[in-house]
Amino acid sequence: MTRILVAAGLLTLLPAAGSAATLELDFAAYGGGVSLARGSVVLTEEAEGDASRYRAALEAEAAPWLGLFTNFRYHAESAGRLEAGAAQPDRFRGERRLRRKQDIMTLTFGPDGVDATADPPLSPDKAARVPPDSRRGSIDPLSAGAAVILTASRAGGCGGRFPVYDGRRRYDIIMTPQGKGDLPSSRYRIATGTAEVCAVTVRPVAGFQGDRDRDRFFVEGVERKATVWFARAPESGRVVPVTVEVPTDTMTVLVHTVGVKAGL
């Protein structure tokens, strides 16, 4: 009964049929107090019956000083259907540039599973690390983020388990509400005061490296943790992730939302 009531509440907050609602988040990432990266996420949602269609785009690049050494840029797009907070993607494409290298990953989602195409192609060993059965029912990482952000912007808070496949690895993202907390004033974030706190667990399933290299975030058998604070953006009034805290083996990375734009 609770799920039915929650779903009914979400339906009343969907954009009207024929109109597309947009939500754009600008973010900046820091590690050890040093600027690491910046970028944006643009989400577009349009009502479709009792659900909605979504499109998501992510742009990220290294901070100017770091870009001199890495030339890092990343662009990703995904699209699909969103129903009661669950994403059902149709397609995903991610393009990464690092120094002089470029790689592209394309995922196509269908009733029989997920097809992955990499350019340059993955080695047979790497391609076989996530068998077809493990991919079935999974979603891409950008669609998982879109589902979390769009659901929070309508109903607030977080929760749920997202089976993610990124073309190389299969993992679960588990989000657990932790109640309310206080966000102290900071020039790095757009909101302060009371926020909804969410604990995030990234649980490996398949395709992970077996070593324990300290520079690797994804390691076989190692769960990664993060914390997300959701609060209402002052200008748009939408509930958004304000700060994401990700501890790693070498530093704690903080990703702050520095700007929000919303409209129809």
Protein backbone atom coordinates (compact mmCIF):
# COMPACT_ATOMS: atom_id res chain seq x y z
CA MET A 1 0.00 0.00 0.00
CA THR A 2 2.84 2.41 0.82
CA ARG A 3 4.40 1.92 -2.62
CA ILE A 4 1.05 2.56 -4.28
CA LEU A 5 0.60 5.82 -2.39
CA VAL A 6 4.15 6.95 -3.19
CA ALA A 7 3.67 6.15 -6.87
CA ALA A 8 0.36 8.01 -6.94
CA GLY A 9 2.01 11.03 -5.32
CA LEU A 10 4.79 11.02 -7.92
CA LEU A 11 2.29 10.92 -10.77
CA THR A 12 0.72 14.17 -9.62
CA LEU A 13 4.15 15.83 -9.90
CA LEU A 14 5.00 14.66 -13.43
CA PRO A 15 5.22 17.32 -16.15
CA ALA A 16 2.01 17.82 -18.10
CA ALA A 17 1.51 15.77 -21.27
CA GLY A 18 3.15 17.44 -24.25
CA SER A 19 5.46 19.58 -22.11
CA ALA A 20 9.08 18.89 -21.23
CA ALA A 21 10.53 19.85 -17.85
CA THR A 22 14.24 20.52 -17.65
CA LEU A 23 16.64 20.48 -14.73
CA GLU A 24 20.27 21.53 -15.08
CA LEU A 25 22.86 21.09 -12.33
CA ASP A 26 26.34 22.61 -12.48
CA PHE A 27 28.88 20.92 -10.24
CA ALA A 28 32.47 21.24 -9.06
CA ALA A 29 34.66 18.50 -7.54
CA TYR A 30 37.38 18.98 -4.95
CA GLY A 31 39.92 16.70 -3.32
CA GLY A 32 41.96 17.80 -0.33
CA GLY A 33 40.64 21.32 -0.87
CA VAL A 34 42.02 21.40 -4.42
CA SER A 35 39.80 21.85 -7.47
CA LEU A 36 39.72 18.64 -9.54
CA ALA A 37 36.88 18.86 -12.06
CA ARG A 38 33.77 20.73 -13.10
CA GLY A 39 30.77 19.98 -15.27
CA SER A 40 27.02 19.82 -15.63
CA VAL A 41 24.09 17.41 -15.79
CA VAL A 42 21.07 18.31 -17.91
CA LEU A 43 17.86 16.30 -17.45
CA THR A 44 14.75 16.58 -19.63
CA GLU A 45 11.51 14.82 -18.70
CA GLU A 46 8.21 14.55 -20.56
CA ALA A 47 5.04 12.79 -19.40
CA GLU A 48 4.10 9.55 -21.14
CA GLY A 49 0.93 8.00 -19.75
CA ASP A 50 1.51 7.04 -16.12
CA ALA A 51 5.27 7.42 -16.50
CA SER A 52 7.67 9.78 -18.28
CA ARG A 53 10.39 9.82 -20.89
CA TYR A 54 13.77 11.19 -19.84
CA ARG A 55 16.92 12.34 -21.56
CA ALA A 56 20.14 12.92 -19.65
CA ALA A 57 23.41 14.53 -20.66
CA LEU A 58 26.60 14.79 -18.62
CA GLU A 59 29.61 16.97 -19.36
CA ALA A 60 32.74 16.89 -17.21
CA GLU A 61 36.29 18.11 -17.58
CA ALA A 62 39.38 18.44 -15.45
CA ALA A 63 39.95 21.70 -13.59
CA PRO A 64 42.04 24.12 -15.71
CA TRP A 65 45.30 23.47 -13.86
CA LEU A 66 44.82 19.68 -13.99
CA GLY A 67 43.68 19.77 -17.61
CA LEU A 68 47.15 20.97 -18.59
CA PHE A 69 48.45 17.51 -17.65
CA THR A 70 45.52 15.19 -18.35
CA ASN A 71 43.36 16.83 -21.06
CA PHE A 72 40.48 14.94 -19.40
CA ARG A 73 36.98 15.36 -20.82
CA TYR A 74 33.91 13.17 -20.56
CA HIS A 75 30.55 13.39 -22.32
CA ALA A 76 27.67 10.95 -21.84
CA GLU A 77 24.05 10.74 -22.97
CA SER A 78 21.24 8.37 -22.07
CA ALA A 79 17.50 8.16 -22.72
CA GLY A 80 14.65 5.96 -21.63
CA ARG A 81 11.51 5.66 -19.53
CA LEU A 82 11.05 6.53 -15.87
CA GLU A 83 8.27 4.95 -13.83
CA ALA A 84 7.82 5.23 -10.06
CA GLY A 85 11.48 6.12 -9.64
CA ALA A 86 12.80 3.21 -11.72
CA ALA A 87 14.69 3.90 -14.96
CA GLN A 88 14.28 1.74 -18.06
CA PRO A 89 16.96 3.01 -20.47
CA ASP A 90 16.92 2.51 -24.23
CA ARG A 91 20.44 3.60 -24.98
CA PHE A 92 23.62 5.09 -23.51
CA ARG A 93 26.74 6.56 -25.05
CA GLY A 94 29.82 7.72 -23.17
CA GLU A 95 32.94 9.32 -24.68
CA ARG A 96 36.08 9.82 -22.61
CA ARG A 97 39.27 11.65 -23.52
CA LEU A 98 42.36 11.26 -21.35
CA ARG A 99 45.68 12.69 -22.52
CA ARG A 100 45.90 11.48 -26.14
CA LYS A 101 43.53 8.57 -25.77
CA GLN A 102 39.83 8.47 -26.57
CA ASP A 103 37.37 5.67 -25.92
CA ILE A 104 33.65 5.39 -26.60
CA MET A 105 31.17 3.01 -24.95
CA THR A 106 27.70 2.46 -26.40
CA LEU A 107 25.02 0.43 -24.62
CA THR A 108 21.75 -0.72 -26.17
CA PHE A 109 19.05 -2.03 -23.85
CA GLY A 110 16.42 -4.52 -25.01
CA PRO A 111 14.11 -7.26 -23.71
CA ASP A 112 16.83 -9.87 -24.22
CA GLY A 113 19.56 -7.99 -22.38
CA VAL A 114 22.21 -5.33 -22.91
CA ASP A 115 24.55 -5.08 -25.89
CA ALA A 116 27.83 -3.23 -25.41
CA THR A 117 30.03 -1.80 -28.16
CA ALA A 118 33.41 -0.30 -27.28
CA ASP A 119 35.69 1.77 -29.52
CA PRO A 120 38.47 0.74 -29.40
CA PRO A 121 37.12 -2.79 -28.77
CA LEU A 122 37.68 -4.44 -25.41
CA SER A 123 39.94 -7.46 -25.32
CA PRO A 124 38.08 -10.83 -25.35
CA ASP A 125 39.06 -11.32 -21.71
CA LYS A 126 37.65 -7.98 -20.57
CA ALA A 127 34.51 -8.34 -22.69
CA ALA A 128 33.76 -11.72 -21.10
CA ARG A 129 34.08 -10.51 -17.50
CA VAL A 130 30.40 -9.51 -17.38
CA PRO A 131 28.39 -12.35 -18.97
CA PRO A 132 25.01 -11.63 -20.63
CA ASP A 133 23.04 -13.06 -17.70
CA SER A 134 24.66 -10.56 -15.32
CA ARG A 135 23.76 -7.63 -17.60
CA ARG A 136 20.07 -8.48 -17.88
CA GLY A 137 17.86 -6.02 -16.00
CA SER A 138 20.69 -3.52 -15.46
CA ILE A 139 20.79 0.18 -16.31
CA ASP A 140 23.59 2.56 -17.25
CA PRO A 141 25.19 4.81 -14.57
CA LEU A 142 23.80 8.04 -16.04
CA SER A 143 20.25 6.65 -16.03
CA ALA A 144 20.73 5.64 -12.39
CA GLY A 145 21.76 9.20 -11.57
CA ALA A 146 18.83 10.62 -13.53
CA ALA A 147 16.38 8.40 -11.64
CA VAL A 148 17.80 9.49 -8.28
CA ILE A 149 17.84 13.21 -9.12
CA LEU A 150 14.40 13.35 -10.77
CA THR A 151 12.73 11.33 -8.02
CA ALA A 152 14.33 13.49 -5.32
CA SER A 153 13.32 16.69 -7.12
CA ARG A 154 9.67 15.63 -6.92
CA ALA A 155 9.41 13.73 -3.65
CA GLY A 156 12.62 14.52 -1.77
CA GLY A 157 15.01 12.09 -0.13
CA CYS A 158 16.40 8.90 -1.61
CA GLY A 159 16.17 5.15 -1.51
CA GLY A 160 16.40 2.10 -3.73
CA ARG A 161 18.75 -0.35 -5.36
CA PHE A 162 20.05 0.26 -8.89
CA PRO A 163 21.72 -2.58 -10.85
CA VAL A 164 24.28 -0.77 -13.01
CA TYR A 165 26.28 -1.93 -16.04
CA ASP A 166 28.74 0.55 -17.57
CA GLY A 167 30.06 -1.64 -20.39
CA ARG A 168 33.01 -2.89 -18.36
CA ARG A 169 31.69 -3.57 -14.87
CA ARG A 170 28.45 -4.65 -13.24
CA TYR A 171 27.69 -3.28 -9.77
CA ASP A 172 24.78 -2.36 -7.52
CA ILE A 173 24.21 1.15 -6.19
CA ILE A 174 22.28 0.95 -2.93
CA MET A 175 20.83 4.16 -1.49
CA THR A 176 19.59 4.21 2.10
CA PRO A 177 17.90 7.19 3.83
CA GLN A 178 19.72 8.36 6.97
CA GLY A 179 17.28 11.02 8.19
CA LYS A 180 17.97 14.73 8.40
CA GLY A 181 21.25 16.51 8.95
CA ASP A 182 22.62 20.05 8.98
CA LEU A 183 24.64 21.52 6.13
CA PRO A 184 26.95 24.21 7.47
CA SER A 185 27.38 27.40 5.49
CA SER A 186 30.00 27.11 2.75
CA ARG A 187 30.95 29.11 -0.31
CA TYR A 188 31.19 25.82 -2.21
CA ARG A 189 27.51 24.85 -2.07
CA ILE A 190 24.22 26.47 -3.06
CA ALA A 191 22.19 25.57 0.05
CA THR A 192 22.70 25.34 3.81
CA GLY A 193 20.62 24.27 6.76
CA THR A 194 18.52 21.12 7.08
CA ALA A 195 19.10 18.44 4.44
CA GLU A 196 18.06 14.85 3.77
CA VAL A 197 21.06 12.55 4.20
CA CYS A 198 21.49 9.45 2.09
CA ALA A 199 24.10 6.69 2.46
CA VAL A 200 25.34 5.17 -0.80
CA THR A 201 26.97 1.76 -1.21
CA VAL A 202 28.61 0.65 -4.47
CA ARG A 203 28.67 -3.17 -4.37
CA PRO A 204 30.78 -5.05 -6.99
CA VAL A 205 29.05 -7.84 -8.95
CA ALA A 206 31.21 -8.68 -11.99
CA GLY A 207 33.99 -7.36 -14.20
CA PHE A 208 36.20 -5.91 -11.47
CA GLN A 209 39.98 -6.01 -11.25
CA GLY A 210 41.38 -8.43 -8.73
CA ASP A 211 44.23 -6.23 -7.53
CA ARG A 212 44.18 -3.68 -4.72
CA ASP A 213 45.86 -0.78 -6.51
CA ARG A 214 45.28 2.29 -4.32
CA ASP A 215 44.63 4.40 -7.42
CA ARG A 216 41.67 2.26 -8.49
CA PHE A 217 38.20 3.14 -7.25
CA PHE A 218 36.62 -0.06 -8.58
CA VAL A 219 38.28 -3.08 -6.98
CA GLU A 220 36.99 -6.65 -6.81
CA GLY A 221 35.41 -7.49 -3.45
CA VAL A 222 35.63 -3.91 -2.13
CA GLU A 223 32.45 -1.97 -1.43
CA ARG A 224 32.74 1.78 -1.81
CA LYS A 225 30.74 4.20 0.33
CA ALA A 226 29.49 7.72 -0.24
CA THR A 227 27.11 10.19 1.37
CA VAL A 228 24.70 12.50 -0.44
CA TRP A 229 22.95 15.54 1.05
CA PHE A 230 19.68 16.57 -0.64
CA ALA A 231 18.28 20.07 -0.09
CA ARG A 232 15.98 22.57 -1.78
CA ALA A 233 17.77 24.90 -4.19
CA PRO A 234 17.01 28.55 -3.27
CA GLU A 235 16.05 29.88 -6.71
CA SER A 236 14.36 26.91 -8.39
CA GLY A 237 12.77 25.40 -5.29
CA ARG A 238 13.69 21.90 -6.52
CA VAL A 239 15.19 19.32 -4.18
CA VAL A 240 18.61 18.39 -5.57
CA PRO A 241 21.81 16.69 -4.41
CA VAL A 242 23.76 19.56 -2.88
CA THR A 243 26.91 17.73 -1.79
CA VAL A 244 28.30 14.26 -2.49
CA GLU A 245 31.13 12.99 -0.30
CA VAL A 246 33.18 10.07 -1.65
CA PRO A 247 36.03 8.69 0.50
CA THR A 248 38.77 6.95 -1.50
CA ASP A 249 41.99 5.24 -0.46
CA THR A 250 44.00 8.41 -1.07
CA MET A 251 41.62 11.30 -0.35
CA THR A 252 38.02 12.34 0.21
CA VAL A 253 36.39 13.80 -2.89
CA LEU A 254 33.60 16.36 -2.45
CA VAL A 255 31.27 17.17 -5.33
CA HIS A 256 29.23 20.33 -4.77
CA THR A 257 26.28 21.54 -6.81
CA VAL A 258 27.12 25.16 -7.62
CA GLY A 259 24.16 26.09 -9.80
CA VAL A 260 20.63 24.91 -10.58
CA LYS A 261 18.31 25.88 -13.44
CA ALA A 262 14.80 24.49 -13.80
CA GLY A 263 12.01 25.19 -16.26
CA LEU A 264 9.35 23.85 -18.61
